Amino acid sequence: MNRKLLTSIVLAGALIANAAPALSQGLYIYPNDGQDQAQQEQDRYQCHSWAVGQTGFDPTTASLDLPDAPDTEREKGSRLKKAAGGALIGTAIGAIAGKDLGDSAAIGAGAGVVGSGLRARRQGKSEQEAYQSEVEQQQAALAADRAAYDRALIACLEGRGYTVK
């Protein structure tokens, strides 16, 4: 499976799980004071609004704001440019050294391709690591915001006569 597609699927799953309303996140809410269904819904809505106001976090609209995933497939044109550049350098060195120009160009072209491949792999790995770090940082921040929201929501509901577990 394409790495970019897999990353998108994983992120979409994380977003859906993190952005769902708090009441569907495994909280059990029991009305201690005999509140009817209409009162429970009104209290839940008001406590949600209050928790959003206190924390600045709304789980119904929360999302990760990530840059595009790095492209792990390098363009072939870049390698061709490096090969051409290497061939020119090889030809120039061969001419100075009095060597066969065709052989010098071939060696230079090979060196250009190998060098560009190594640089591309290093750069791709570095970009992927930076992207993964950004994903992890944003997920941690989202989880911390979510925990603060949950604490505020629970405090509000308990203040209105509910037991929340």
C-alpha atoms as a PDB file:
ATOM      1  CA  MET A   1       0.000   0.000   0.000  1.00  0.00           C
ATOM      2  CA  ASN A   2       1.258   3.498  -0.784  1.00  0.00           C
ATOM      3  CA  ARG A   3       2.910   5.054   2.308  1.00  0.00           C
ATOM      4  CA  LYS A   4       1.110   8.381   1.745  1.00  0.00           C
ATOM      5  CA  LEU A   5      -2.282   6.662   1.539  1.00  0.00           C
ATOM      6  CA  LEU A   6      -1.548   4.605   4.660  1.00  0.00           C
ATOM      7  CA  THR A   7      -0.533   7.764   6.563  1.00  0.00           C
ATOM      8  CA  SER A   8      -3.753   9.472   5.464  1.00  0.00           C
ATOM      9  CA  ILE A   9      -5.865   6.525   6.616  1.00  0.00           C
ATOM     10  CA  VAL A  10      -4.162   6.420  10.023  1.00  0.00           C
ATOM     11  CA  LEU A  11      -4.579  10.190  10.477  1.00  0.00           C
ATOM     12  CA  ALA A  12      -8.220  10.059   9.449  1.00  0.00           C
ATOM     13  CA  GLY A  13      -8.845   7.356  12.043  1.00  0.00           C
ATOM     14  CA  ALA A  14      -7.114   9.417  14.718  1.00  0.00           C
ATOM     15  CA  LEU A  15      -9.143  12.484  13.791  1.00  0.00           C
ATOM     16  CA  ILE A  16     -12.428  10.613  13.945  1.00  0.00           C
ATOM     17  CA  ALA A  17     -11.556   9.130  17.328  1.00  0.00           C
ATOM     18  CA  ASN A  18     -10.362  12.454  18.766  1.00  0.00           C
ATOM     19  CA  ALA A  19     -13.081  14.658  17.335  1.00  0.00           C
ATOM     20  CA  ALA A  20     -16.070  12.605  18.490  1.00  0.00           C
ATOM     21  CA  PRO A  21     -18.193  14.249  21.183  1.00  0.00           C
ATOM     22  CA  ALA A  22     -17.012  13.636  24.742  1.00  0.00           C
ATOM     23  CA  LEU A  23     -20.182  11.870  25.722  1.00  0.00           C
ATOM     24  CA  SER A  24     -19.438   9.071  23.289  1.00  0.00           C
ATOM     25  CA  GLN A  25     -15.856   8.719  24.555  1.00  0.00           C
ATOM     26  CA  GLY A  26     -16.711   6.148  27.189  1.00  0.00           C
ATOM     27  CA  LEU A  27     -18.061   8.507  29.851  1.00  0.00           C
ATOM     28  CA  TYR A  28     -20.918   7.094  31.875  1.00  0.00           C
ATOM     29  CA  ILE A  29     -23.239   9.820  33.103  1.00  0.00           C
ATOM     30  CA  TYR A  30     -25.836   9.010  35.740  1.00  0.00           C
ATOM     31  CA  PRO A  31     -28.535  11.524  36.767  1.00  0.00           C
ATOM     32  CA  ASN A  32     -28.434  11.534  40.608  1.00  0.00           C
ATOM     33  CA  ASP A  33     -31.324  13.962  41.041  1.00  0.00           C
ATOM     34  CA  GLY A  34     -33.861  12.189  38.798  1.00  0.00           C
ATOM     35  CA  GLN A  35     -33.309  14.481  35.822  1.00  0.00           C
ATOM     36  CA  ASP A  36     -35.510  13.471  32.878  1.00  0.00           C
ATOM     37  CA  GLN A  37     -34.111  12.879  29.381  1.00  0.00           C
ATOM     38  CA  ALA A  38     -34.846  16.424  28.194  1.00  0.00           C
ATOM     39  CA  GLN A  39     -33.058  17.905  31.221  1.00  0.00           C
ATOM     40  CA  GLN A  40     -30.087  15.568  30.709  1.00  0.00           C
ATOM     41  CA  GLU A  41     -29.723  16.654  27.089  1.00  0.00           C
ATOM     42  CA  GLN A  42     -29.964  20.327  28.049  1.00  0.00           C
ATOM     43  CA  ASP A  43     -27.368  19.874  30.821  1.00  0.00           C
ATOM     44  CA  ARG A  44     -25.041  17.969  28.508  1.00  0.00           C
ATOM     45  CA  TYR A  45     -25.240  20.693  25.864  1.00  0.00           C
ATOM     46  CA  GLN A  46     -24.717  23.508  28.378  1.00  0.00           C
ATOM     47  CA  CYS A  47     -21.790  21.690  30.021  1.00  0.00           C
ATOM     48  CA  HIS A  48     -20.244  21.038  26.605  1.00  0.00           C
ATOM     49  CA  SER A  49     -20.511  24.744  25.762  1.00  0.00           C
ATOM     50  CA  TRP A  50     -19.069  25.712  29.149  1.00  0.00           C
ATOM     51  CA  ALA A  51     -16.163  23.257  28.813  1.00  0.00           C
ATOM     52  CA  VAL A  52     -15.361  24.632  25.338  1.00  0.00           C
ATOM     53  CA  GLY A  53     -15.416  28.159  26.759  1.00  0.00           C
ATOM     54  CA  GLN A  54     -13.126  27.195  29.647  1.00  0.00           C
ATOM     55  CA  THR A  55     -10.577  25.267  27.606  1.00  0.00           C
ATOM     56  CA  GLY A  56     -10.833  26.725  24.112  1.00  0.00           C
ATOM     57  CA  PHE A  57     -11.080  23.157  22.801  1.00  0.00           C
ATOM     58  CA  ASP A  58     -14.114  21.792  20.972  1.00  0.00           C
ATOM     59  CA  PRO A  59     -13.872  18.047  20.316  1.00  0.00           C
ATOM     60  CA  THR A  60     -16.557  18.280  17.641  1.00  0.00           C
ATOM     61  CA  THR A  61     -14.338  20.489  15.472  1.00  0.00           C
ATOM     62  CA  ALA A  62     -10.835  19.462  16.580  1.00  0.00           C
ATOM     63  CA  SER A  63      -8.391  18.271  13.947  1.00  0.00           C
ATOM     64  CA  LEU A  64      -4.715  17.921  13.218  1.00  0.00           C
ATOM     65  CA  ASP A  65      -3.256  20.658  11.016  1.00  0.00           C
ATOM     66  CA  LEU A  66      -0.457  18.778   9.304  1.00  0.00           C
ATOM     67  CA  PRO A  67       1.571  19.705   6.262  1.00  0.00           C
ATOM     68  CA  ASP A  68       1.462  17.343   3.299  1.00  0.00           C
ATOM     69  CA  ALA A  69       3.329  14.104   3.873  1.00  0.00           C
ATOM     70  CA  PRO A  70       6.756  14.103   2.242  1.00  0.00           C
ATOM     71  CA  ASP A  71       6.938  12.546  -1.213  1.00  0.00           C
ATOM     72  CA  THR A  72       9.044   9.416  -0.858  1.00  0.00           C
ATOM     73  CA  GLU A  73       9.388   8.928  -4.620  1.00  0.00           C
ATOM     74  CA  ARG A  74      12.032  11.243  -6.084  1.00  0.00           C
ATOM     75  CA  GLU A  75      11.670  12.545  -9.613  1.00  0.00           C
ATOM     76  CA  LYS A  76      13.706  10.739 -12.244  1.00  0.00           C
ATOM     77  CA  GLY A  77      14.480  14.070 -13.924  1.00  0.00           C
ATOM     78  CA  SER A  78      16.667  15.015 -10.984  1.00  0.00           C
ATOM     79  CA  ARG A  79      18.822  11.920 -11.479  1.00  0.00           C
ATOM     80  CA  LEU A  80      19.123  12.623 -15.181  1.00  0.00           C
ATOM     81  CA  LYS A  81      20.284  16.166 -14.425  1.00  0.00           C
ATOM     82  CA  LYS A  82      22.865  14.836 -11.959  1.00  0.00           C
ATOM     83  CA  ALA A  83      24.047  12.272 -14.515  1.00  0.00           C
ATOM     84  CA  ALA A  84      24.410  14.966 -17.163  1.00  0.00           C
ATOM     85  CA  GLY A  85      26.302  17.200 -14.748  1.00  0.00           C
ATOM     86  CA  GLY A  86      28.549  14.298 -13.751  1.00  0.00           C
ATOM     87  CA  ALA A  87      29.203  13.488 -17.412  1.00  0.00           C
ATOM     88  CA  LEU A  88      30.272  17.077 -18.062  1.00  0.00           C
ATOM     89  CA  ILE A  89      32.595  17.099 -15.077  1.00  0.00           C
ATOM     90  CA  GLY A  90      33.965  13.663 -16.024  1.00  0.00           C
ATOM     91  CA  THR A  91      34.577  14.831 -19.588  1.00  0.00           C
ATOM     92  CA  ALA A  92      36.385  17.957 -18.375  1.00  0.00           C
ATOM     93  CA  ILE A  93      38.570  15.975 -15.980  1.00  0.00           C
ATOM     94  CA  GLY A  94      39.245  13.356 -18.674  1.00  0.00           C
ATOM     95  CA  ALA A  95      40.268  16.086 -21.142  1.00  0.00           C
ATOM     96  CA  ILE A  96      42.655  17.610 -18.619  1.00  0.00           C
ATOM     97  CA  ALA A  97      44.126  14.229 -17.735  1.00  0.00           C
ATOM     98  CA  GLY A  98      44.366  13.167 -21.383  1.00  0.00           C
ATOM     99  CA  LYS A  99      41.968  10.207 -20.897  1.00  0.00           C
ATOM    100  CA  ASP A 100      39.338   8.875 -23.290  1.00  0.00           C
ATOM    101  CA  LEU A 101      36.475  11.393 -23.171  1.00  0.00           C
ATOM    102  CA  GLY A 102      33.735   8.743 -23.572  1.00  0.00           C
ATOM    103  CA  ASP A 103      35.006   6.723 -20.613  1.00  0.00           C
ATOM    104  CA  SER A 104      35.446   9.875 -18.520  1.00  0.00           C
ATOM    105  CA  ALA A 105      31.894  11.007 -19.312  1.00  0.00           C
ATOM    106  CA  ALA A 106      30.480   7.568 -18.419  1.00  0.00           C
ATOM    107  CA  ILE A 107      32.329   7.496 -15.103  1.00  0.00           C
ATOM    108  CA  GLY A 108      31.205  11.058 -14.311  1.00  0.00           C
ATOM    109  CA  ALA A 109      27.592  10.237 -15.189  1.00  0.00           C
ATOM    110  CA  GLY A 110      27.647   7.168 -12.940  1.00  0.00           C
ATOM    111  CA  ALA A 111      29.094   9.191 -10.065  1.00  0.00           C
ATOM    112  CA  GLY A 112      26.405  11.855 -10.548  1.00  0.00           C
ATOM    113  CA  VAL A 113      23.585   9.292 -10.404  1.00  0.00           C
ATOM    114  CA  VAL A 114      24.997   7.483  -7.355  1.00  0.00           C
ATOM    115  CA  GLY A 115      25.598  10.755  -5.523  1.00  0.00           C
ATOM    116  CA  SER A 116      22.114  12.051  -6.237  1.00  0.00           C
ATOM    117  CA  GLY A 117      20.559   8.758  -5.120  1.00  0.00           C
ATOM    118  CA  LEU A 118      22.384   8.846  -1.796  1.00  0.00           C
ATOM    119  CA  ARG A 119      21.414  12.476  -1.192  1.00  0.00           C
ATOM    120  CA  ALA A 120      17.791  11.765  -2.131  1.00  0.00           C
ATOM    121  CA  ARG A 121      17.568   8.843   0.312  1.00  0.00           C
ATOM    122  CA  ARG A 122      19.103  10.893   3.123  1.00  0.00           C
ATOM    123  CA  GLN A 123      16.816  13.821   2.427  1.00  0.00           C
ATOM    124  CA  GLY A 124      13.744  11.557   2.170  1.00  0.00           C
ATOM    125  CA  LYS A 125      14.539   9.906   5.495  1.00  0.00           C
ATOM    126  CA  SER A 126      15.087  13.288   7.141  1.00  0.00           C
ATOM    127  CA  GLU A 127      11.800  14.647   5.739  1.00  0.00           C
ATOM    128  CA  GLN A 128       9.897  11.543   6.888  1.00  0.00           C
ATOM    129  CA  GLU A 129      11.363  11.810  10.404  1.00  0.00           C
ATOM    130  CA  ALA A 130      10.445  15.511  10.607  1.00  0.00           C
ATOM    131  CA  TYR A 131       6.913  14.773   9.399  1.00  0.00           C
ATOM    132  CA  GLN A 132       6.492  11.938  11.919  1.00  0.00           C
ATOM    133  CA  SER A 133       7.723  14.213  14.705  1.00  0.00           C
ATOM    134  CA  GLU A 134       5.175  16.864  13.703  1.00  0.00           C
ATOM    135  CA  VAL A 135       2.384  14.254  13.717  1.00  0.00           C
ATOM    136  CA  GLU A 136       3.377  13.044  17.180  1.00  0.00           C
ATOM    137  CA  GLN A 137       3.604  16.586  18.571  1.00  0.00           C
ATOM    138  CA  GLN A 138       0.176  17.507  17.249  1.00  0.00           C
ATOM    139  CA  GLN A 139      -1.359  14.263  18.523  1.00  0.00           C
ATOM    140  CA  ALA A 140       0.097  14.909  21.989  1.00  0.00           C
ATOM    141  CA  ALA A 141      -1.230  18.484  21.982  1.00  0.00           C
ATOM    142  CA  LEU A 142      -4.656  17.270  20.845  1.00  0.00           C
ATOM    143  CA  ALA A 143      -4.710  14.633  23.611  1.00  0.00           C
ATOM    144  CA  ALA A 144      -3.757  17.229  26.251  1.00  0.00           C
ATOM    145  CA  ASP A 145      -6.473  19.615  25.030  1.00  0.00           C
ATOM    146  CA  ARG A 146      -8.957  16.747  25.055  1.00  0.00           C
ATOM    147  CA  ALA A 147      -8.047  15.809  28.640  1.00  0.00           C
ATOM    148  CA  ALA A 148      -8.561  19.424  29.788  1.00  0.00           C
ATOM    149  CA  TYR A 149     -11.937  19.547  28.033  1.00  0.00           C
ATOM    150  CA  ASP A 150     -12.992  16.247  29.632  1.00  0.00           C
ATOM    151  CA  ARG A 151     -12.036  17.518  33.114  1.00  0.00           C
ATOM    152  CA  ALA A 152     -14.095  20.684  32.573  1.00  0.00           C
ATOM    153  CA  LEU A 153     -17.063  18.737  31.223  1.00  0.00           C
ATOM    154  CA  ILE A 154     -17.006  16.324  34.157  1.00  0.00           C
ATOM    155  CA  ALA A 155     -16.776  19.184  36.681  1.00  0.00           C
ATOM    156  CA  CYS A 156     -19.805  20.865  35.116  1.00  0.00           C
ATOM    157  CA  LEU A 157     -21.905  17.695  34.995  1.00  0.00           C
ATOM    158  CA  GLU A 158     -21.031  16.771  38.571  1.00  0.00           C
ATOM    159  CA  GLY A 159     -21.982  20.299  39.635  1.00  0.00           C
ATOM    160  CA  ARG A 160     -25.417  19.752  38.085  1.00  0.00           C
ATOM    161  CA  GLY A 161     -26.079  16.553  40.009  1.00  0.00           C
ATOM    162  CA  TYR A 162     -24.637  13.811  37.794  1.00  0.00           C
ATOM    163  CA  THR A 163     -22.193  11.049  38.585  1.00  0.00           C
ATOM    164  CA  VAL A 164     -19.645  10.755  35.787  1.00  0.00           C
ATOM    165  CA  LYS A 165     -17.319   7.787  35.388  1.00  0.00           C
END
